[in-house]
Amino acid sequence: MARRRRRSPPVEMTVSIESLTNDSRGVAHHEGKAVFVEGALPGEVVLCQTTKRTSKYDTAKVIEVIEASEDRVQPRCSAAGICGGCSLQHMSESSQIHAKQQVLLDNLKQIGKVEPLSTLPPLQSSHWNYRRKARLGVKFVPKKGGVLVGFREKQSGYLAVMDSCEVLDGRFSQLIMPLRELIGEISIAKRIPQIEIAAGDNSAVMVFRHLEPLSERDKEHLKAFAIQYDLSIMLQPAGPDSIHELYPESQGLLEYRLDEWDVSIRFRPTDFTQVNASINQLMVSNALELLAAEEDEEVLDLFCGVGNFTLPLARVCRQVTGIEGDSVLVKMARDNAVHNKITNAEFITADLYDAPLDGSWLHRKWDRILLDPPRSGAMEVIERLPELQPKRIVYVSCNPATLARDADLLVNKFGYKLLAAGVMDMFPHTKHVESIAVFEPS
């Protein structure tokens, strides 16, 4: 029987922070080995304690900041150093966006072997109470005061102890403690693992996942909570298809407006939508401006979701086609087109990760193409884009590494130019980097 390797005891060390990693940890060196320090900023001298030791590198957390960076600020949230929901509250907002821009440019250069001809100004809006969608964990932990509600601790599966959240939409941000008290009153408090929250311009919803049936008394508690805080409550006893209304019994869809194009987007609480409404407005405007579609042109929108880009595009071009792998989202997009009286947008269900790709839309020429893939990127469809002969491609990305990989294909394999790239602060105070890039044939 193989012996279990004994974990090295933690070691304290004083280090000078040289730079930041792509996941926002400080980089230092100690006795010839790299040390990645959670919570440290470039230019600082910190006392830190190791959390993991290997032969090639150590990871550590800050115990004391001996010499602080000018970029260091006091976190607004008391749980900022523990909660994994945010990782950059200790860094000034201007420094956060600069660091994210550098992550994008470094990825493009190192992974994609390409540099943009110009860097776009970053898109920024409110840094607080911006998050309209989230999944909150729930756990009954007597040693920590009973029910906990919130995000998980950094580098841990445990829930952080928190009583509010400064980045959640204002309709949710102060409800952490009331939720803890509410669930403590429910008979199956130990069998509620999560609460999904979602808000539109018109209303806010909480979806309670429960692993055992709720009693009538439990449901009355939930209804009273909904009335008190002007919320809608839904229940999820099994998979996503089991979600149903509790209060009010007949709920309308959530909705947000894109006023510049006179478009209203309806969605269900579990549908994918952008979490930051104000940045989404700026992002859609920026993407359409960069795409520069003309009145007589046909546009292809890949990974279109519920029509976030497709429907505004329909207001400015002759015809737009949205492609999406999730048939439920495609139906919602079609309904949104009808709701907005848009007749020049069509939506097609197709798995854009199929190999090989197929579909009638692949055998047409498109004037311009917009794509907004998930974190895994769009490598499979990128291989086919040159066949469609677009005049311009705009790529919206939530992962600079896969954007860089796909940019490598477009530029170094297919001969496109990377005209411009830039970042959008969709998730302030987190390490997430949302970006946009524009390509044209050489």
Foldseek 3Di string as FASTA:
>chain_A
DDDDDDFDDKDKDKFAFAAADLQGFTWTDDPRAIETEQPAHHGWIFIWIFPHDDPHYTYTYGPGTPGHDPQFDDAPFPCQQWFQLFRFSRGHQVVLQVNLFVSLQCLLCPQQVAGAPAADDAADDDQWLFFFKDKWFWAADVVVPGIFIGGHTPPDPHRTHGQFGGHHHPLGGRCRNVVRVLLRPWPVSHFWTIWIWGAAPVAIEIETEGQDDGDPVNLVSVQVVCVVSVHWYWYDNDDPVRIAGSPPRDDDFGWYDLVVQRFIATDHSPFDDQRGVVLLSVVLVVLCVLQVEAAAFEEEEEQQFLNSNPVSVLSGYQAYEYEHQDVVRQVNNVVRCVVSVRDRYHYDHFDLPDVQGDDPVLVEAGQEYEYEDAAQARQNVLVSVVSNPYQKYKYKYFHSNNVSNSSSCCCVVVNKHFNYKYWYPSNRSGSTTIMMTMIGHD
